[in-house]
């Protein structure tokens, strides 16, 4: 059973920064991708950034140049550094881990990010 625990969300002013972390536990079969998604009130969940086991990244256009995804494979942890935050970044952010070997994915419980003055 894979469990994902996110942390680092909170309230920040426009232009500020936050760093999200997601630690995975349990058996995850390599290779696996790790990523972040978000869901704002009344909207569908959308991709923010993903990072493959080979190091390839994919970012939503709305966050390119402001957000950076990284991972520590030894700790089975993925990070999302968010800079120059905007009110439209306000959402619940979810961590996702997808194993390409088993074809299964897991979601974290989500962490709230609110950007407001």
Protein backbone atom coordinates (compact mmCIF):
# COMPACT_ATOMS: atom_id res chain seq x y z
CA UNK A 1 0.00 0.00 0.00
CA UNK A 2 1.43 3.35 -1.08
CA UNK A 3 0.81 6.39 1.08
CA UNK A 4 1.61 9.96 0.12
CA UNK A 5 1.83 12.74 2.69
CA UNK A 6 1.98 16.33 1.50
CA UNK A 7 3.15 19.30 3.52
CA UNK A 8 4.16 22.92 3.06
CA UNK A 9 0.90 24.56 2.07
CA UNK A 10 -0.42 27.71 3.66
CA UNK A 11 -1.33 31.35 3.21
CA UNK A 12 1.09 33.59 1.34
CA UNK A 13 0.92 37.09 -0.13
CA UNK A 14 1.10 37.65 -3.88
CA UNK A 15 4.70 37.53 -5.03
CA UNK A 16 5.68 35.23 -2.20
CA UNK A 17 7.05 31.69 -2.21
CA UNK A 18 6.16 28.30 -0.82
CA UNK A 19 7.76 24.89 -1.01
CA UNK A 20 5.57 21.82 -1.06
CA UNK A 21 6.85 18.37 -0.12
CA UNK A 22 5.34 14.95 -0.68
CA UNK A 23 6.83 11.90 1.01
CA UNK A 24 5.88 8.45 -0.25
CA UNK A 25 5.90 5.29 1.80
CA UNK A 26 5.23 1.69 0.88
CA UNK A 27 6.23 -0.25 -2.19
CA UNK A 28 6.58 1.79 -5.34
CA UNK A 29 7.82 -0.13 -8.35
CA UNK A 30 10.33 1.65 -10.53
CA UNK A 31 10.32 3.36 -12.86
CA UNK A 32 7.82 5.83 -11.49
CA UNK A 33 6.82 9.37 -12.23
CA UNK A 34 6.06 11.92 -9.54
CA UNK A 35 3.98 15.02 -9.98
CA UNK A 36 1.80 17.78 -8.65
CA UNK A 37 -1.75 18.65 -9.62
CA UNK A 38 -4.11 21.28 -8.28
CA UNK A 39 -7.81 21.90 -8.03
CA UNK A 40 -9.35 25.30 -7.47
CA UNK A 41 -12.94 25.70 -6.24
CA UNK A 42 -15.41 24.98 -9.02
CA UNK A 43 -12.70 23.80 -11.41
CA UNK A 44 -11.33 20.47 -12.55
CA UNK A 45 -8.07 19.09 -11.26
CA UNK A 46 -5.21 20.15 -13.51
CA UNK A 47 -1.59 19.23 -14.00
CA UNK A 48 0.97 21.56 -12.46
CA UNK A 49 4.25 19.70 -13.00
CA UNK A 50 5.55 16.18 -13.45
CA UNK A 51 9.00 14.63 -13.22
CA UNK A 52 9.88 11.24 -14.64
CA UNK A 53 12.38 8.82 -13.17
CA UNK A 54 14.65 9.77 -16.06
CA UNK A 55 14.57 13.43 -15.10
CA UNK A 56 12.21 14.79 -17.75
CA UNK A 57 9.93 17.58 -16.58
CA UNK A 58 6.60 18.89 -17.79
CA UNK A 59 5.02 22.11 -16.57
CA UNK A 60 1.68 23.77 -17.09
CA UNK A 61 2.13 26.93 -19.14
CA UNK A 62 0.69 28.99 -16.30
CA UNK A 63 3.53 28.05 -13.93
CA UNK A 64 6.53 27.86 -16.27
CA UNK A 65 9.39 30.00 -15.03
CA UNK A 66 7.86 30.31 -11.55
CA UNK A 67 7.57 26.73 -10.25
CA UNK A 68 10.25 24.06 -10.07
CA UNK A 69 9.69 20.36 -9.44
CA UNK A 70 12.40 18.14 -8.01
CA UNK A 71 12.69 14.75 -6.36
CA UNK A 72 14.87 12.83 -3.94
CA UNK A 73 14.68 9.19 -4.96
CA UNK A 74 16.44 7.94 -1.84
CA UNK A 75 13.75 9.59 0.29
CA UNK A 76 10.94 8.89 -2.19
CA UNK A 77 10.03 12.55 -1.90
CA UNK A 78 8.95 15.08 -4.50
CA UNK A 79 9.10 18.84 -4.03
CA UNK A 80 7.45 21.82 -5.67
CA UNK A 81 9.17 25.18 -5.25
CA UNK A 82 6.65 27.89 -6.02
CA UNK A 83 7.88 31.45 -6.53
CA UNK A 84 6.16 34.65 -7.61
CA UNK A 85 2.85 33.27 -6.48
CA UNK A 86 -0.35 34.78 -7.83
CA UNK A 87 -3.91 34.74 -6.49
CA UNK A 88 -4.85 32.41 -9.34
CA UNK A 89 -2.46 29.81 -7.92
CA UNK A 90 -4.85 29.37 -5.01
CA UNK A 91 -5.97 25.73 -4.94
CA UNK A 92 -5.63 22.42 -3.19
CA UNK A 93 -2.39 20.86 -4.40
CA UNK A 94 -2.22 17.08 -4.77
CA UNK A 95 0.82 14.86 -5.08
CA UNK A 96 0.73 11.92 -7.49
CA UNK A 97 3.00 8.94 -7.97
CA UNK A 98 2.58 6.73 -11.04
CA UNK A 99 4.41 3.47 -11.54
CA UNK A 100 5.11 2.76 -15.18
CA UNK A 101 5.85 -0.87 -14.30
CA UNK A 102 2.51 -1.64 -12.67
CA UNK A 103 0.39 1.01 -14.41
CA UNK A 104 -1.00 2.21 -11.09
CA UNK A 105 -1.11 5.64 -9.54
CA UNK A 106 -1.67 7.02 -6.07
CA UNK A 107 -2.82 10.40 -4.76
CA UNK A 108 -2.04 12.31 -1.61
CA UNK A 109 -4.72 13.92 0.53
CA UNK A 110 -3.95 17.42 -0.73
CA UNK A 111 -2.58 20.58 0.84
CA UNK A 112 -4.23 24.00 0.61
CA UNK A 113 -2.33 26.90 -0.94
CA UNK A 114 -3.93 30.32 -0.63
CA UNK A 115 -2.40 33.39 -2.25
CA UNK A 116 -4.00 36.53 -0.92
CA UNK A 117 -3.13 39.92 0.50
